[in-house]
């Protein structure tokens, strides 16, 4: 009869021991990793876009350069294109300069109009990949 208190007379086999259901451990020095059979690995999280120091824009991470250029050309003095790209602080600055600057014979709105026209042209001349690298995934808020 089997007695659990008696030691096993057969020593374990040399090499790594496989125990299904037990997650794998980190290999020690000089050892290689051995995947455990019948072990269900947790799914890996999806790779996200490179991080930046700005808030997320409207909608998805994909931002079209043409939409940003049209917004900069039409509503650029209000900074709407900045909000579209996720640059909340820059958009607020453009909005406030335009509104508060209109008290000074429209000087603030004219300055923001010049900035937005330059940005609209820059958006158009860049390729979509360069635009995303610089303005969507990067953190280039101004010109």
Protein backbone atom coordinates (compact mmCIF):
# COMPACT_ATOMS: atom_id res chain seq x y z
CA UNK A 1 0.00 0.00 0.00
CA UNK A 2 1.17 3.57 -0.72
CA UNK A 3 2.30 5.65 2.23
CA UNK A 4 2.71 9.41 1.45
CA UNK A 5 5.18 9.81 4.32
CA UNK A 6 7.78 7.47 2.84
CA UNK A 7 10.34 9.01 0.47
CA UNK A 8 10.22 8.11 -3.20
CA UNK A 9 12.93 5.51 -3.92
CA UNK A 10 13.20 6.68 -7.55
CA UNK A 11 15.07 10.00 -7.87
CA UNK A 12 13.70 12.57 -10.33
CA UNK A 13 15.06 12.52 -13.86
CA UNK A 14 17.92 14.94 -14.60
CA UNK A 15 17.11 18.14 -16.53
CA UNK A 16 14.24 20.56 -16.27
CA UNK A 17 11.09 19.17 -14.71
CA UNK A 18 7.85 19.77 -16.61
CA UNK A 19 4.70 20.33 -14.62
CA UNK A 20 1.69 21.12 -16.83
CA UNK A 21 -0.55 23.80 -15.37
CA UNK A 22 2.34 25.51 -13.61
CA UNK A 23 3.42 28.73 -15.28
CA UNK A 24 6.98 28.86 -16.57
CA UNK A 25 9.65 30.48 -14.46
CA UNK A 26 12.61 32.57 -15.45
CA UNK A 27 15.60 30.42 -16.38
CA UNK A 28 18.59 30.59 -14.10
CA UNK A 29 22.11 31.42 -15.19
CA UNK A 30 23.33 29.03 -17.87
CA UNK A 31 19.83 27.61 -18.45
CA UNK A 32 17.59 28.12 -21.43
CA UNK A 33 13.87 28.74 -21.39
CA UNK A 34 11.72 25.63 -21.79
CA UNK A 35 8.05 26.24 -22.67
CA UNK A 36 5.64 24.31 -20.50
CA UNK A 37 3.22 22.00 -22.36
CA UNK A 38 -0.52 22.51 -21.80
CA UNK A 39 0.03 25.91 -20.22
CA UNK A 40 -2.23 28.68 -21.51
CA UNK A 41 -0.21 31.86 -21.89
CA UNK A 42 -1.98 35.16 -21.25
CA UNK A 43 -2.63 37.19 -24.39
CA UNK A 44 -0.16 39.99 -25.00
CA UNK A 45 -1.56 43.53 -25.03
CA UNK A 46 -1.65 45.25 -28.40
CA UNK A 47 1.20 47.59 -29.19
CA UNK A 48 0.13 51.18 -28.88
CA UNK A 49 1.39 54.23 -30.67
CA UNK A 50 4.50 55.90 -29.33
CA UNK A 51 3.70 57.96 -26.29
CA UNK A 52 3.76 61.73 -26.30
CA UNK A 53 3.20 64.42 -23.72
CA UNK A 54 -0.10 65.68 -25.12
CA UNK A 55 -3.75 64.74 -24.77
CA UNK A 56 -5.47 62.38 -27.17
CA UNK A 57 -7.11 63.98 -30.19
CA UNK A 58 -10.67 63.60 -31.39
CA UNK A 59 -11.56 60.08 -32.53
CA UNK A 60 -8.93 57.54 -33.44
CA UNK A 61 -5.15 57.85 -33.46
CA UNK A 62 -5.25 58.13 -37.25
CA UNK A 63 -5.40 61.80 -38.25
CA UNK A 64 -5.68 62.82 -41.87
CA UNK A 65 -3.42 65.63 -42.99
CA UNK A 66 -6.09 66.95 -45.36
CA UNK A 67 -8.66 67.32 -42.58
CA UNK A 68 -6.10 69.14 -40.45
CA UNK A 69 -5.15 71.40 -43.39
CA UNK A 70 -8.77 72.30 -44.18
CA UNK A 71 -9.45 73.03 -40.50
CA UNK A 72 -6.31 75.17 -40.30
CA UNK A 73 -7.28 77.04 -43.48
CA UNK A 74 -10.94 77.66 -42.57
CA UNK A 75 -11.07 77.80 -38.76
CA UNK A 76 -7.40 78.24 -38.02
CA UNK A 77 -7.75 81.51 -36.11
CA UNK A 78 -9.83 79.65 -33.52
CA UNK A 79 -7.29 76.80 -33.23
CA UNK A 80 -9.76 74.09 -34.26
CA UNK A 81 -7.04 72.18 -36.13
CA UNK A 82 -5.00 72.06 -32.90
CA UNK A 83 -7.95 70.51 -31.05
CA UNK A 84 -8.35 67.99 -33.89
CA UNK A 85 -4.70 66.94 -33.53
CA UNK A 86 -5.01 66.71 -29.74
CA UNK A 87 -3.02 69.82 -28.82
CA UNK A 88 -5.46 71.19 -26.26
CA UNK A 89 -3.18 73.84 -24.76
CA UNK A 90 -2.09 75.20 -28.13
CA UNK A 91 -5.70 75.29 -29.31
CA UNK A 92 -6.77 77.22 -26.22
CA UNK A 93 -3.92 79.70 -26.71
CA UNK A 94 -4.95 80.32 -30.32
CA UNK A 95 -8.60 80.68 -29.33
CA UNK A 96 -7.88 83.12 -26.50
CA UNK A 97 -5.44 85.20 -28.56
CA UNK A 98 -8.02 85.47 -31.34
CA UNK A 99 -10.87 86.41 -29.01
CA UNK A 100 -8.96 88.72 -26.70
CA UNK A 101 -6.90 90.14 -29.54
CA UNK A 102 -10.05 91.14 -31.41
CA UNK A 103 -10.42 93.90 -28.79
CA UNK A 104 -7.20 95.41 -30.20
CA UNK A 105 -8.55 96.11 -33.68
CA UNK A 106 -8.35 92.41 -34.63
CA UNK A 107 -4.57 92.17 -34.26
CA UNK A 108 -4.74 88.83 -32.41
CA UNK A 109 -6.95 87.24 -35.04
CA UNK A 110 -4.64 88.44 -37.82
CA UNK A 111 -1.59 86.97 -36.09
CA UNK A 112 -3.38 83.62 -35.55
CA UNK A 113 -4.55 83.70 -39.18
CA UNK A 114 -0.95 83.98 -40.36
CA UNK A 115 0.11 81.10 -38.08
CA UNK A 116 -2.75 78.87 -39.23
CA UNK A 117 -2.08 79.55 -42.93
CA UNK A 118 1.57 78.60 -42.50
CA UNK A 119 0.52 75.42 -40.67
CA UNK A 120 -2.05 74.56 -43.36
CA UNK A 121 0.63 74.78 -46.05
CA UNK A 122 3.03 72.67 -43.96
CA UNK A 123 0.37 69.99 -43.47
CA UNK A 124 -0.27 69.82 -47.23
CA UNK A 125 3.38 69.57 -48.32
CA UNK A 126 4.20 66.73 -45.88
CA UNK A 127 3.48 63.12 -46.76
CA UNK A 128 0.87 61.39 -44.61
CA UNK A 129 3.57 59.34 -42.85
CA UNK A 130 5.70 62.41 -42.10
CA UNK A 131 2.61 64.30 -40.94
CA UNK A 132 1.68 61.52 -38.51
CA UNK A 133 5.25 61.16 -37.28
CA UNK A 134 5.61 64.87 -36.62
CA UNK A 135 2.15 66.07 -35.55
CA UNK A 136 0.13 63.01 -34.51
CA UNK A 137 2.63 60.72 -32.76
CA UNK A 138 5.24 63.39 -32.11
CA UNK A 139 4.73 66.42 -29.96
CA UNK A 140 5.22 69.30 -32.37
CA UNK A 141 2.53 71.75 -31.31
CA UNK A 142 3.73 74.86 -33.10
CA UNK A 143 5.00 75.43 -36.62
